[in-house]
Protein backbone atom coordinates (compact mmCIF):
# COMPACT_ATOMS: atom_id res chain seq x y z
CA UNK A 1 12.02 -4.24 24.11
CA UNK A 2 8.28 -3.60 24.34
CA UNK A 3 6.20 -5.47 21.75
CA UNK A 4 2.70 -4.86 20.44
CA UNK A 5 0.95 -7.89 18.93
CA UNK A 6 -1.72 -7.61 16.27
CA UNK A 7 -3.66 -10.82 15.65
CA UNK A 8 -6.14 -12.52 17.96
CA UNK A 9 -5.28 -16.10 16.96
CA UNK A 10 -1.70 -17.30 16.48
CA UNK A 11 -0.44 -13.92 17.63
CA UNK A 12 -1.85 -14.60 21.10
CA UNK A 13 -1.46 -18.35 21.58
CA UNK A 14 1.83 -18.50 19.65
CA UNK A 15 3.84 -15.30 19.92
CA UNK A 16 2.53 -13.98 23.25
CA UNK A 17 4.01 -16.82 25.38
CA UNK A 18 7.15 -16.90 23.22
CA UNK A 19 7.78 -13.22 23.93
CA UNK A 20 6.74 -13.11 27.59
CA UNK A 21 7.98 -16.48 28.86
CA UNK A 22 10.56 -17.45 26.25
CA UNK A 23 12.21 -14.05 25.80
CA UNK A 24 11.14 -12.13 28.94
CA UNK A 25 9.87 -9.17 26.94
CA UNK A 26 7.11 -6.68 27.77
CA UNK A 27 3.95 -6.91 25.66
CA UNK A 28 1.24 -4.32 25.14
CA UNK A 29 -2.08 -5.26 23.56
CA UNK A 30 -5.21 -3.43 22.42
CA UNK A 31 -8.01 -3.65 24.98
CA UNK A 32 -10.19 -5.63 22.56
CA UNK A 33 -7.94 -8.67 23.09
CA UNK A 34 -8.44 -8.75 26.89
CA UNK A 35 -11.42 -11.14 26.86
CA UNK A 36 -9.74 -13.44 24.32
CA UNK A 37 -6.63 -13.70 26.50
CA UNK A 38 -8.69 -14.27 29.67
CA UNK A 39 -10.72 -17.05 28.06
CA UNK A 40 -7.67 -19.07 26.94
CA UNK A 41 -6.25 -21.39 29.64
CA UNK A 42 -2.81 -21.38 27.98
CA UNK A 43 -2.29 -17.60 27.99
CA UNK A 44 -4.84 -16.32 30.52
CA UNK A 45 -2.06 -16.11 33.14
CA UNK A 46 -0.55 -13.19 31.20
CA UNK A 47 -3.64 -10.97 31.56
CA UNK A 48 -2.39 -9.18 34.68
CA UNK A 49 1.10 -8.43 33.33
CA UNK A 50 0.18 -7.34 29.81
CA UNK A 51 0.23 -3.58 29.31
CA UNK A 52 -3.27 -2.89 28.01
CA UNK A 53 -3.86 -0.01 25.60
CA UNK A 54 -7.22 1.49 24.57
CA UNK A 55 -6.95 0.60 20.89
CA UNK A 56 -4.64 -0.50 18.06
CA UNK A 57 -3.22 2.97 17.50
CA UNK A 58 -2.40 3.42 21.18
CA UNK A 59 -0.68 0.02 21.27
CA UNK A 60 1.34 0.90 18.18
CA UNK A 61 2.38 4.22 19.72
CA UNK A 62 3.39 2.59 23.02
CA UNK A 63 5.53 -0.15 21.48
CA UNK A 64 9.11 -0.37 20.25
CA UNK A 65 8.47 -3.49 18.17
CA UNK A 66 5.48 -5.07 16.46
CA UNK A 67 4.41 -8.66 15.84
CA UNK A 68 1.89 -8.93 13.02
CA UNK A 69 -0.08 -12.16 12.82
CA UNK A 70 -2.98 -11.20 10.61
CA UNK A 71 -4.16 -12.24 7.16
CA UNK A 72 -1.78 -11.09 4.38
CA UNK A 73 -3.93 -8.19 3.15
CA UNK A 74 -4.21 -6.77 6.68
CA UNK A 75 -0.51 -7.34 7.32
CA UNK A 76 0.41 -5.19 4.33
CA UNK A 77 -1.51 -2.27 5.85
CA UNK A 78 0.16 -2.77 9.23
CA UNK A 79 3.58 -2.85 7.56
CA UNK A 80 2.82 0.52 6.05
CA UNK A 81 1.71 1.86 9.44
CA UNK A 82 4.61 0.39 11.41
CA UNK A 83 7.30 1.36 8.90
CA UNK A 84 6.24 4.99 9.23
CA UNK A 85 6.36 5.10 13.05
CA UNK A 86 9.57 6.51 14.53
CA UNK A 87 9.06 4.65 17.81
CA UNK A 88 8.91 1.25 16.06
CA UNK A 89 12.40 -0.24 15.77
CA UNK A 90 11.56 -3.79 14.70
CA UNK A 91 8.80 -5.83 13.05
CA UNK A 92 8.09 -9.57 13.14
CA UNK A 93 5.88 -10.50 10.21
CA UNK A 94 4.00 -13.60 9.14
CA UNK A 95 4.33 -15.46 5.89
CA UNK A 96 3.24 -14.86 3.23
CA UNK A 97 4.34 -11.26 3.52
CA UNK A 98 1.46 -10.18 1.26
CA UNK A 99 -1.27 -11.90 -0.79
CA UNK A 100 0.89 -12.12 -3.95
CA UNK A 101 4.62 -12.15 -4.75
CA UNK A 102 4.30 -8.79 -6.47
CA UNK A 103 2.81 -7.17 -3.36
CA UNK A 104 5.37 -8.99 -1.20
CA UNK A 105 8.17 -7.41 -3.25
CA UNK A 106 6.59 -3.99 -2.68
CA UNK A 107 6.40 -4.70 1.06
CA UNK A 108 10.10 -5.65 1.09
CA UNK A 109 10.96 -2.40 -0.69
CA UNK A 110 9.05 -0.47 1.97
CA UNK A 111 10.69 -2.38 4.83
CA UNK A 112 14.19 -2.04 3.39
CA UNK A 113 13.77 1.70 2.82
CA UNK A 114 12.50 2.17 6.40
CA UNK A 115 15.83 0.99 7.83
CA UNK A 116 14.00 -0.95 10.54
CA UNK A 117 14.93 -4.45 11.67
CA UNK A 118 12.43 -7.06 10.50
CA UNK A 119 11.96 -10.80 10.32
CA UNK A 120 9.52 -12.95 8.34
CA UNK A 121 8.05 -16.03 10.01
CA UNK A 122 9.81 -18.68 7.94
CA UNK A 123 9.81 -20.85 11.05
CA UNK A 124 10.99 -24.11 9.46
CA UNK A 125 14.56 -22.81 9.62
CA UNK A 126 14.57 -23.27 13.39
CA UNK A 127 13.34 -26.89 13.38
CA UNK A 128 15.94 -29.57 14.25
CA UNK A 129 15.53 -31.29 10.88
CA UNK A 130 16.09 -28.07 8.90
CA UNK A 131 19.24 -27.23 10.86
CA UNK A 132 20.55 -30.76 10.19
CA UNK A 133 19.54 -30.66 6.51
CA UNK A 134 21.37 -27.38 5.91
CA UNK A 135 24.52 -29.00 7.24
CA UNK A 136 24.00 -32.30 5.39
CA UNK A 137 23.47 -30.62 2.01
CA UNK A 138 27.23 -30.06 1.89
CA UNK A 139 27.71 -33.83 1.64
CA UNK A 140 25.40 -34.31 -1.35
CA UNK A 141 26.95 -35.26 -4.69
CA UNK A 142 26.18 -33.14 -7.75
CA UNK A 143 24.10 -35.98 -9.18
CA UNK A 144 22.03 -36.54 -6.03
CA UNK A 145 18.40 -35.48 -5.84
CA UNK A 146 16.46 -34.11 -2.88
CA UNK A 147 12.75 -34.96 -2.58
CA UNK A 148 10.50 -33.13 -0.10
CA UNK A 149 6.98 -34.48 0.35
CA UNK A 150 4.47 -32.83 2.70
CA UNK A 151 0.98 -34.34 2.88
CA UNK A 152 -1.85 -33.40 5.23
CA UNK A 153 -5.49 -32.33 5.27
CA UNK A 154 -5.73 -28.65 6.12
CA UNK A 155 -8.36 -27.59 8.64
CA UNK A 156 -10.33 -25.72 5.99
CA UNK A 157 -10.67 -28.89 3.89
CA UNK A 158 -11.27 -31.22 6.82
CA UNK A 159 -14.11 -29.00 8.08
CA UNK A 160 -15.12 -27.37 4.76
CA UNK A 161 -14.32 -23.87 6.01
CA UNK A 162 -14.30 -21.06 3.46
CA UNK A 163 -11.56 -18.72 4.63
CA UNK A 164 -8.54 -16.80 3.33
CA UNK A 165 -6.16 -19.70 4.00
CA UNK A 166 -8.08 -21.62 1.33
CA UNK A 167 -8.27 -18.72 -1.15
CA UNK A 168 -5.27 -18.12 -3.42
CA UNK A 169 -6.09 -14.48 -4.20
CA UNK A 170 -6.01 -13.73 -0.46
CA UNK A 171 -2.65 -15.43 0.14
CA UNK A 172 -3.91 -18.93 0.88
CA UNK A 173 -3.46 -22.35 -0.67
CA UNK A 174 -0.81 -25.05 -0.90
CA UNK A 175 1.81 -22.69 -2.36
CA UNK A 176 1.10 -19.24 -0.94
CA UNK A 177 0.28 -20.24 2.63
CA UNK A 178 1.90 -23.64 3.23
CA UNK A 179 4.52 -24.12 0.52
CA UNK A 180 5.97 -20.67 1.11
CA UNK A 181 7.60 -22.14 4.25
CA UNK A 182 9.66 -24.43 2.00
CA UNK A 183 10.29 -21.68 -0.55
CA UNK A 184 11.83 -19.57 2.21
CA UNK A 185 13.94 -22.46 3.46
CA UNK A 186 15.25 -23.31 -0.01
CA UNK A 187 16.06 -19.64 -0.64
CA UNK A 188 18.14 -19.61 2.54
CA UNK A 189 19.91 -22.79 1.42
CA UNK A 190 20.92 -21.06 -1.83
CA UNK A 191 18.38 -22.27 -4.38
CA UNK A 192 17.80 -19.58 -6.98
CA UNK A 193 15.72 -21.10 -9.79
CA UNK A 194 12.37 -22.84 -10.20
CA UNK A 195 12.50 -25.03 -13.30
CA UNK A 196 9.06 -26.58 -12.97
CA UNK A 197 5.93 -25.75 -11.00
CA UNK A 198 2.34 -26.97 -11.08
CA UNK A 199 -0.72 -26.20 -8.98
CA UNK A 200 -3.89 -28.30 -8.83
CA UNK A 201 -7.30 -27.78 -7.25
CA UNK A 202 -10.90 -28.83 -7.71
CA UNK A 203 -12.21 -25.27 -7.39
CA UNK A 204 -11.33 -21.85 -8.79
CA UNK A 205 -9.06 -19.62 -6.69
CA UNK A 206 -7.81 -22.59 -4.69
CA UNK A 207 -4.58 -24.59 -4.68
CA UNK A 208 -4.85 -28.02 -3.08
CA UNK A 209 -1.57 -29.47 -4.35
CA UNK A 210 1.61 -27.75 -5.46
CA UNK A 211 4.63 -29.47 -6.98
CA UNK A 212 7.87 -27.86 -8.10
CA UNK A 213 11.52 -28.47 -8.91
CA UNK A 214 14.26 -26.13 -7.67
CA UNK A 215 17.89 -25.71 -8.69
CA UNK A 216 20.79 -23.83 -7.17
CA UNK A 217 24.56 -23.56 -7.68
CA UNK A 218 26.38 -26.44 -6.01
CA UNK A 219 23.12 -27.88 -4.70
CA UNK A 220 21.20 -31.06 -5.57
CA UNK A 221 18.09 -30.63 -7.67
CA UNK A 222 15.16 -30.47 -5.25
CA UNK A 223 11.61 -31.62 -5.95
CA UNK A 224 8.81 -30.45 -3.68
CA UNK A 225 5.24 -31.60 -3.23
CA UNK A 226 2.77 -29.97 -0.86
CA UNK A 227 -0.61 -31.74 -0.79
CA UNK A 228 -2.96 -29.84 1.52
CA UNK A 229 -6.06 -31.99 0.97
CA UNK A 230 -4.48 -35.43 1.30
CA UNK A 231 -5.75 -38.49 3.14
CA UNK A 232 -2.26 -39.21 4.48
CA UNK A 233 -0.38 -37.12 7.04
CA UNK A 234 3.38 -37.19 6.59
CA UNK A 235 6.44 -35.01 6.07
CA UNK A 236 9.43 -36.69 4.47
CA UNK A 237 12.71 -35.73 2.85
CA UNK A 238 14.65 -38.29 0.82
CA UNK A 239 18.10 -38.22 -0.71
CA UNK A 240 18.17 -40.05 -4.05
CA UNK A 241 21.57 -41.17 -5.32
CA UNK A 242 22.68 -41.73 -8.90
CA UNK A 243 21.40 -45.32 -8.85
CA UNK A 244 17.89 -44.16 -7.95
CA UNK A 245 17.89 -45.51 -4.41
CA UNK A 246 16.06 -43.25 -1.94
CA UNK A 247 17.68 -42.72 1.45
CA UNK A 248 15.38 -41.21 4.12
CA UNK A 249 16.73 -37.98 5.60
CA UNK A 250 13.60 -36.86 7.46
CA UNK A 251 10.49 -38.90 8.28
CA UNK A 252 7.89 -37.15 10.43
CA UNK A 253 4.15 -36.84 10.77
CA UNK A 254 4.44 -33.09 10.17
CA UNK A 255 7.23 -30.49 10.04
CA UNK A 256 6.85 -29.51 13.70
CA UNK A 257 6.62 -33.03 15.13
CA UNK A 258 10.16 -32.90 16.51
CA UNK A 259 9.53 -29.63 18.37
CA UNK A 260 10.06 -29.57 22.14
CA UNK A 261 6.73 -29.28 23.96
CA UNK A 262 6.61 -26.71 26.79
CA UNK A 263 3.70 -27.25 29.18
CA UNK A 264 0.33 -26.17 27.82
CA UNK A 265 1.78 -23.70 25.32
CA UNK A 266 1.54 -24.30 21.58
CA UNK A 267 4.00 -27.04 20.60
CA UNK A 268 5.88 -24.52 18.45
CA UNK A 269 6.73 -22.49 21.56
CA UNK A 270 10.46 -23.28 21.47
CA UNK A 271 10.71 -22.50 17.76
CA UNK A 272 8.74 -19.26 18.10
CA UNK A 273 11.00 -18.27 20.97
CA UNK A 274 13.99 -18.71 18.64
CA UNK A 275 12.22 -16.63 15.98
CA UNK A 276 11.69 -13.81 18.49
CA UNK A 277 15.24 -14.04 19.84
CA UNK A 278 16.58 -13.78 16.31
CA UNK A 279 14.75 -10.47 15.92
CA UNK A 280 15.80 -9.18 19.34
CA UNK A 281 19.44 -10.31 19.47
CA UNK A 282 20.73 -10.58 15.90
CA UNK A 283 22.21 -7.28 14.69
CA UNK A 284 21.25 -7.98 11.05
CA UNK A 285 18.47 -5.68 9.86
CA UNK A 286 17.10 -8.46 7.64
CA UNK A 287 18.34 -11.33 5.46
CA UNK A 288 19.22 -11.09 1.75
CA UNK A 289 17.52 -14.41 1.06
CA UNK A 290 14.15 -12.84 1.88
CA UNK A 291 14.29 -11.15 -1.50
CA UNK A 292 15.30 -14.44 -3.11
CA UNK A 293 12.31 -16.19 -1.53
CA UNK A 294 9.96 -13.72 -3.20
CA UNK A 295 11.72 -14.21 -6.55
CA UNK A 296 11.34 -17.99 -6.25
CA UNK A 297 7.68 -17.58 -5.29
CA UNK A 298 7.10 -15.39 -8.32
CA UNK A 299 8.90 -17.88 -10.59
CA UNK A 300 6.81 -20.74 -9.23
CA UNK A 301 3.57 -18.90 -9.89
CA UNK A 302 4.61 -17.85 -13.38
CA UNK A 303 5.20 -21.52 -14.28
CA UNK A 304 2.06 -22.92 -12.62
């Protein structure tokens, strides 16, 4: 399958090697990315084998599948363009799907009606700890609790960068950009209700910390905290029994710490390869829990 990639950051250093080395797929790129690829030591080797196209439209017309790794507002426009192209059979999209849950629901409607295969980059589901947690949840008692705590200092806070990842209305913040990873994972696990949600920030249109409680049939109540401007750096999941004793399930520096490193590629290379293979090899057009993830996101925001 021939892929076009739109996005000069993660699209190139993340998905380009995953597609070309991990999945042995052909990639075509707009000419404007040539210098960016050449200047990066990790992906510069691909410059001679990439199929270069004059512009975005030419790349879209030459491809059979599209990877979109742009800011949410731009992604929504590319979804509209890709969904209407007969030559495009599949789309790999970033999270959040759109700047808001309402727009994300509209994007899902468009994608579903197009009949094309698509995947959303809820990449946590391919981490070793998430695979193990999905299996272990079956052993939890009805009275057990699940606590997920993710603390870190995002680049935009560490370096005081004003960008979309910091701005809630553009799809950024602790919930919309970071926490949405966990929302997607919990939706896949079967959680279907947010019973409490709170967002905190020192500035308007920002969300530094998000906390929430999720419930689902036959599942332990799950509390989540995502602190994106924290002094500490840790990712932990604890199982709390009826006597209040916490049993560590996951204890990492960050969610991708356990990923297998492949040379000088991004450390998420193996996981991104699995994401791409899922799109290429799995016959499912999409997953029903995608819709549930948007519902949970909308519930969380309505309670915050």
